[in-house]
């Protein structure tokens, strides 16, 4: 027989759901702030986004046009430029705000 105390305990299914939500929502949402955090504060210069964001960087360079524009807009929301990683081998794509970029 299942007691009331056992019903209230979180089980593995709950924790798997929580982790999936954090990963699927948190990872893309953290991309913009990571770009801003690692950007170079000097005007007209750029920094390197963390390499763990290479899937998003790849989409910004090679994905469908609406995805490219949305990713670039979010990455450049608070900065003028950043280099996005596009694979795990060290390829980077520079993006800029204004006439040099999108």
N, C-alpha and C. Protein backbone atom coordinates (compact mmCIF):
# COMPACT_ATOMS: atom_id res chain seq x y z
N UNK A 1 0.83 -1.18 0.00
CA UNK A 1 0.00 0.00 0.00
C UNK A 1 0.88 1.25 0.00
N UNK A 2 0.52 2.24 -0.79
CA UNK A 2 1.27 3.50 -0.89
C UNK A 2 0.74 4.49 0.13
N UNK A 3 1.65 5.01 0.93
CA UNK A 3 1.24 5.98 1.95
C UNK A 3 1.24 7.39 1.36
N UNK A 4 0.64 8.32 2.09
CA UNK A 4 0.61 9.72 1.65
C UNK A 4 2.01 10.30 1.56
N UNK A 5 2.89 9.87 2.47
CA UNK A 5 4.26 10.37 2.45
C UNK A 5 4.98 9.91 1.18
N UNK A 6 4.76 8.69 0.73
CA UNK A 6 5.39 8.18 -0.49
C UNK A 6 4.85 8.90 -1.72
N UNK A 7 3.58 9.29 -1.69
CA UNK A 7 3.00 10.00 -2.83
C UNK A 7 3.62 11.38 -3.01
N UNK A 8 4.05 12.01 -1.93
CA UNK A 8 4.59 13.36 -1.98
C UNK A 8 6.07 13.40 -2.35
N UNK A 9 6.77 12.27 -2.30
CA UNK A 9 8.19 12.22 -2.62
C UNK A 9 8.39 12.37 -4.13
N UNK A 10 9.34 13.24 -4.53
CA UNK A 10 9.62 13.34 -5.97
C UNK A 10 10.28 12.05 -6.46
N UNK A 11 9.89 11.63 -7.63
CA UNK A 11 10.46 10.40 -8.19
C UNK A 11 11.38 10.74 -9.36
N UNK A 12 11.97 9.73 -9.96
CA UNK A 12 12.93 9.92 -11.05
C UNK A 12 12.28 10.61 -12.25
N UNK A 13 11.03 10.31 -12.52
CA UNK A 13 10.35 10.94 -13.66
C UNK A 13 10.25 12.44 -13.51
N UNK A 14 9.98 12.90 -12.30
CA UNK A 14 9.92 14.34 -12.05
C UNK A 14 11.28 14.99 -12.29
N UNK A 15 12.34 14.37 -11.76
CA UNK A 15 13.67 14.96 -11.91
C UNK A 15 14.15 14.93 -13.36
N UNK A 16 13.82 13.91 -14.09
CA UNK A 16 14.17 13.86 -15.52
C UNK A 16 13.45 14.98 -16.26
N UNK A 17 12.18 15.19 -15.94
CA UNK A 17 11.41 16.27 -16.56
C UNK A 17 12.01 17.63 -16.24
N UNK A 18 12.39 17.85 -14.99
CA UNK A 18 12.99 19.12 -14.59
C UNK A 18 14.30 19.36 -15.35
N UNK A 19 15.14 18.35 -15.42
CA UNK A 19 16.42 18.49 -16.12
C UNK A 19 16.19 18.77 -17.60
N UNK A 20 15.27 18.08 -18.23
CA UNK A 20 15.00 18.32 -19.65
C UNK A 20 14.50 19.74 -19.90
N UNK A 21 13.63 20.23 -19.04
CA UNK A 21 13.12 21.59 -19.20
C UNK A 21 14.25 22.61 -19.03
N UNK A 22 15.09 22.41 -18.03
CA UNK A 22 16.21 23.33 -17.80
C UNK A 22 17.14 23.33 -19.01
N UNK A 23 17.45 22.16 -19.54
CA UNK A 23 18.36 22.08 -20.68
C UNK A 23 17.73 22.67 -21.94
N UNK A 24 16.50 22.28 -22.23
CA UNK A 24 15.87 22.72 -23.48
C UNK A 24 15.49 24.19 -23.47
N UNK A 25 15.26 24.77 -22.30
CA UNK A 25 14.89 26.18 -22.22
C UNK A 25 16.10 27.02 -21.79
N UNK A 26 16.83 26.55 -20.80
CA UNK A 26 17.95 27.32 -20.25
C UNK A 26 19.12 27.47 -21.20
N UNK A 27 19.46 26.42 -21.93
CA UNK A 27 20.60 26.49 -22.84
C UNK A 27 20.42 27.57 -23.90
N UNK A 28 19.32 27.57 -24.66
CA UNK A 28 19.17 28.64 -25.66
C UNK A 28 19.04 30.03 -25.04
N UNK A 29 18.36 30.12 -23.90
CA UNK A 29 18.20 31.44 -23.27
C UNK A 29 19.52 31.97 -22.72
N UNK A 30 20.44 31.10 -22.35
CA UNK A 30 21.72 31.56 -21.81
C UNK A 30 22.69 31.98 -22.91
N UNK A 31 22.38 31.68 -24.16
CA UNK A 31 23.27 32.00 -25.28
C UNK A 31 23.53 33.51 -25.39
N UNK A 32 22.50 34.31 -25.40
CA UNK A 32 22.67 35.77 -25.52
C UNK A 32 23.50 36.35 -24.40
N UNK A 33 23.14 36.08 -23.12
CA UNK A 33 23.96 36.60 -22.03
C UNK A 33 25.41 36.10 -22.08
N UNK A 34 25.63 34.88 -22.54
CA UNK A 34 27.02 34.39 -22.65
C UNK A 34 27.78 35.20 -23.69
N UNK A 35 27.14 35.51 -24.81
CA UNK A 35 27.79 36.34 -25.83
C UNK A 35 28.13 37.71 -25.27
N UNK A 36 27.20 38.29 -24.53
CA UNK A 36 27.42 39.63 -23.97
C UNK A 36 28.51 39.58 -22.92
N UNK A 37 28.52 38.55 -22.09
CA UNK A 37 29.49 38.44 -21.01
C UNK A 37 30.91 38.30 -21.56
N UNK A 38 31.07 37.49 -22.61
CA UNK A 38 32.39 37.22 -23.14
C UNK A 38 32.81 38.17 -24.26
N UNK A 39 31.98 39.15 -24.56
CA UNK A 39 32.36 40.11 -25.61
C UNK A 39 33.42 41.05 -25.07
N UNK A 40 34.13 41.67 -25.98
CA UNK A 40 35.17 42.63 -25.63
C UNK A 40 34.51 43.98 -25.39
N UNK A 41 34.77 44.64 -24.26
CA UNK A 41 34.09 45.89 -23.96
C UNK A 41 34.55 47.08 -24.81
N UNK A 42 35.65 46.92 -25.56
CA UNK A 42 36.13 48.02 -26.38
C UNK A 42 35.22 48.19 -27.60
N UNK A 43 34.94 49.43 -27.99
CA UNK A 43 34.07 49.65 -29.16
C UNK A 43 34.67 49.05 -30.44
N UNK A 44 33.82 48.57 -31.29
CA UNK A 44 34.18 48.03 -32.60
C UNK A 44 35.13 46.84 -32.52
N UNK A 45 35.06 46.10 -31.43
CA UNK A 45 35.82 44.87 -31.31
C UNK A 45 34.86 43.78 -30.84
N UNK A 46 35.31 42.56 -30.87
CA UNK A 46 34.41 41.47 -30.50
C UNK A 46 35.17 40.44 -29.67
N UNK A 47 34.42 39.61 -28.99
CA UNK A 47 34.98 38.53 -28.20
C UNK A 47 34.53 37.20 -28.77
N UNK A 48 34.85 36.16 -28.07
CA UNK A 48 34.50 34.81 -28.50
C UNK A 48 33.40 34.26 -27.60
N UNK A 49 32.32 33.82 -28.21
CA UNK A 49 31.27 33.14 -27.45
C UNK A 49 31.82 31.79 -27.01
N UNK A 50 31.37 31.27 -25.88
CA UNK A 50 31.87 29.98 -25.42
C UNK A 50 31.62 28.86 -26.44
N UNK A 51 32.58 27.96 -26.54
CA UNK A 51 32.53 26.89 -27.53
C UNK A 51 31.35 25.95 -27.32
N UNK A 52 30.81 25.87 -26.10
CA UNK A 52 29.67 24.97 -25.85
C UNK A 52 28.43 25.40 -26.64
N UNK A 53 28.44 26.60 -27.19
CA UNK A 53 27.30 27.08 -27.97
C UNK A 53 27.48 26.84 -29.47
N UNK A 54 28.35 25.90 -29.86
CA UNK A 54 28.58 25.69 -31.27
C UNK A 54 27.32 25.27 -32.04
N UNK A 55 26.38 24.50 -31.46
CA UNK A 55 25.18 24.19 -32.26
C UNK A 55 24.38 25.45 -32.63
N UNK A 56 24.32 26.39 -31.70
CA UNK A 56 23.61 27.64 -31.98
C UNK A 56 24.42 28.47 -32.98
N UNK A 57 25.74 28.51 -32.82
CA UNK A 57 26.60 29.21 -33.77
C UNK A 57 26.50 28.62 -35.17
N UNK A 58 26.42 27.30 -35.25
CA UNK A 58 26.28 26.65 -36.55
C UNK A 58 24.96 27.08 -37.20
N UNK A 59 23.89 27.13 -36.41
CA UNK A 59 22.60 27.58 -36.94
C UNK A 59 22.67 29.03 -37.40
N UNK A 60 23.43 29.86 -36.68
CA UNK A 60 23.56 31.27 -37.06
C UNK A 60 24.31 31.42 -38.37
N UNK A 61 25.18 30.47 -38.68
CA UNK A 61 25.96 30.54 -39.92
C UNK A 61 25.32 29.77 -41.07
N UNK A 62 24.64 28.66 -40.77
CA UNK A 62 24.18 27.76 -41.83
C UNK A 62 22.69 27.45 -41.82
N UNK A 63 21.97 27.89 -40.82
CA UNK A 63 20.57 27.53 -40.70
C UNK A 63 19.67 28.33 -41.64
N UNK A 64 18.38 28.08 -41.56
CA UNK A 64 17.42 28.83 -42.36
C UNK A 64 17.49 30.32 -42.00
N UNK A 65 17.18 31.16 -42.96
CA UNK A 65 17.32 32.60 -42.77
C UNK A 65 16.60 33.14 -41.52
N UNK A 66 15.36 32.74 -41.24
CA UNK A 66 14.71 33.26 -40.03
C UNK A 66 15.48 32.88 -38.75
N UNK A 67 16.03 31.67 -38.70
CA UNK A 67 16.82 31.25 -37.53
C UNK A 67 18.10 32.07 -37.44
N UNK A 68 18.77 32.26 -38.58
CA UNK A 68 20.01 33.05 -38.57
C UNK A 68 19.76 34.45 -38.04
N UNK A 69 18.71 35.09 -38.52
CA UNK A 69 18.42 36.46 -38.09
C UNK A 69 18.05 36.51 -36.61
N UNK A 70 17.27 35.56 -36.13
CA UNK A 70 16.87 35.55 -34.72
C UNK A 70 18.07 35.34 -33.80
N UNK A 71 18.94 34.40 -34.15
CA UNK A 71 20.12 34.12 -33.34
C UNK A 71 21.06 35.32 -33.34
N UNK A 72 21.29 35.90 -34.51
CA UNK A 72 22.18 37.06 -34.58
C UNK A 72 21.59 38.25 -33.83
N UNK A 73 20.28 38.44 -33.91
CA UNK A 73 19.65 39.53 -33.19
C UNK A 73 19.86 39.34 -31.69
N UNK A 74 19.62 38.13 -31.19
CA UNK A 74 19.76 37.87 -29.76
C UNK A 74 21.22 38.00 -29.30
N UNK A 75 22.15 37.51 -30.09
CA UNK A 75 23.57 37.60 -29.72
C UNK A 75 24.04 39.05 -29.67
N UNK A 76 23.50 39.89 -30.55
CA UNK A 76 23.96 41.28 -30.66
C UNK A 76 23.04 42.27 -29.96
N UNK A 77 22.15 41.80 -29.15
CA UNK A 77 21.20 42.67 -28.48
C UNK A 77 21.89 43.72 -27.61
N UNK A 78 23.00 43.36 -26.98
CA UNK A 78 23.67 44.29 -26.06
C UNK A 78 25.13 44.57 -26.44
N UNK A 79 25.58 44.07 -27.59
CA UNK A 79 26.98 44.26 -28.00
C UNK A 79 27.04 44.57 -29.49
N UNK A 80 28.23 44.96 -29.96
CA UNK A 80 28.40 45.30 -31.38
C UNK A 80 28.87 44.14 -32.23
N UNK A 81 29.54 43.16 -31.64
CA UNK A 81 30.04 42.04 -32.42
C UNK A 81 30.55 40.93 -31.53
N UNK A 82 30.54 39.72 -32.08
CA UNK A 82 31.03 38.55 -31.36
C UNK A 82 31.36 37.47 -32.38
N UNK A 83 32.32 36.63 -32.05
CA UNK A 83 32.62 35.46 -32.88
C UNK A 83 31.86 34.28 -32.31
N UNK A 84 31.09 33.63 -33.16
CA UNK A 84 30.30 32.47 -32.73
C UNK A 84 31.01 31.19 -33.15
N UNK A 85 31.10 30.21 -32.25
CA UNK A 85 31.69 28.92 -32.64
C UNK A 85 30.72 28.19 -33.56
N UNK A 86 31.27 27.55 -34.59
CA UNK A 86 30.40 26.83 -35.52
C UNK A 86 30.65 25.33 -35.55
N UNK A 87 31.67 24.87 -34.85
CA UNK A 87 31.90 23.43 -34.70
C UNK A 87 32.87 23.21 -33.54
N UNK A 88 33.15 21.96 -33.24
CA UNK A 88 34.04 21.65 -32.12
C UNK A 88 35.51 21.70 -32.51
N UNK A 89 35.81 21.92 -33.79
CA UNK A 89 37.19 21.95 -34.26
C UNK A 89 37.81 23.33 -34.24
N UNK A 90 37.09 24.32 -33.74
CA UNK A 90 37.66 25.66 -33.62
C UNK A 90 37.29 26.62 -34.73
N UNK A 91 36.25 26.33 -35.49
CA UNK A 91 35.80 27.27 -36.51
C UNK A 91 34.89 28.31 -35.86
N UNK A 92 35.05 29.56 -36.26
CA UNK A 92 34.29 30.67 -35.69
C UNK A 92 33.73 31.52 -36.81
N UNK A 93 32.56 32.09 -36.59
CA UNK A 93 31.93 33.00 -37.54
C UNK A 93 31.75 34.35 -36.85
N UNK A 94 32.39 35.40 -37.39
CA UNK A 94 32.19 36.72 -36.79
C UNK A 94 30.84 37.31 -37.21
N UNK A 95 30.14 37.91 -36.27
CA UNK A 95 28.93 38.63 -36.60
C UNK A 95 29.03 40.03 -35.98
N UNK A 96 28.47 40.99 -36.67
CA UNK A 96 28.52 42.37 -36.25
C UNK A 96 27.14 43.01 -36.37
N UNK A 97 26.95 44.04 -35.60
CA UNK A 97 25.78 44.88 -35.74
C UNK A 97 26.14 45.96 -36.76
N UNK A 98 25.17 46.35 -37.56
CA UNK A 98 25.40 47.46 -38.48
C UNK A 98 25.80 46.99 -39.87
N UNK A 99 26.50 47.86 -40.63
CA UNK A 99 26.76 47.59 -42.04
C UNK A 99 27.65 46.38 -42.30
N UNK A 100 28.50 46.00 -41.35
CA UNK A 100 29.37 44.84 -41.56
C UNK A 100 28.63 43.53 -41.33
N UNK A 101 27.56 43.58 -40.58
CA UNK A 101 26.86 42.35 -40.20
C UNK A 101 25.51 42.23 -40.85
N UNK A 102 24.54 41.84 -40.03
CA UNK A 102 23.19 41.60 -40.57
C UNK A 102 22.39 42.85 -40.60
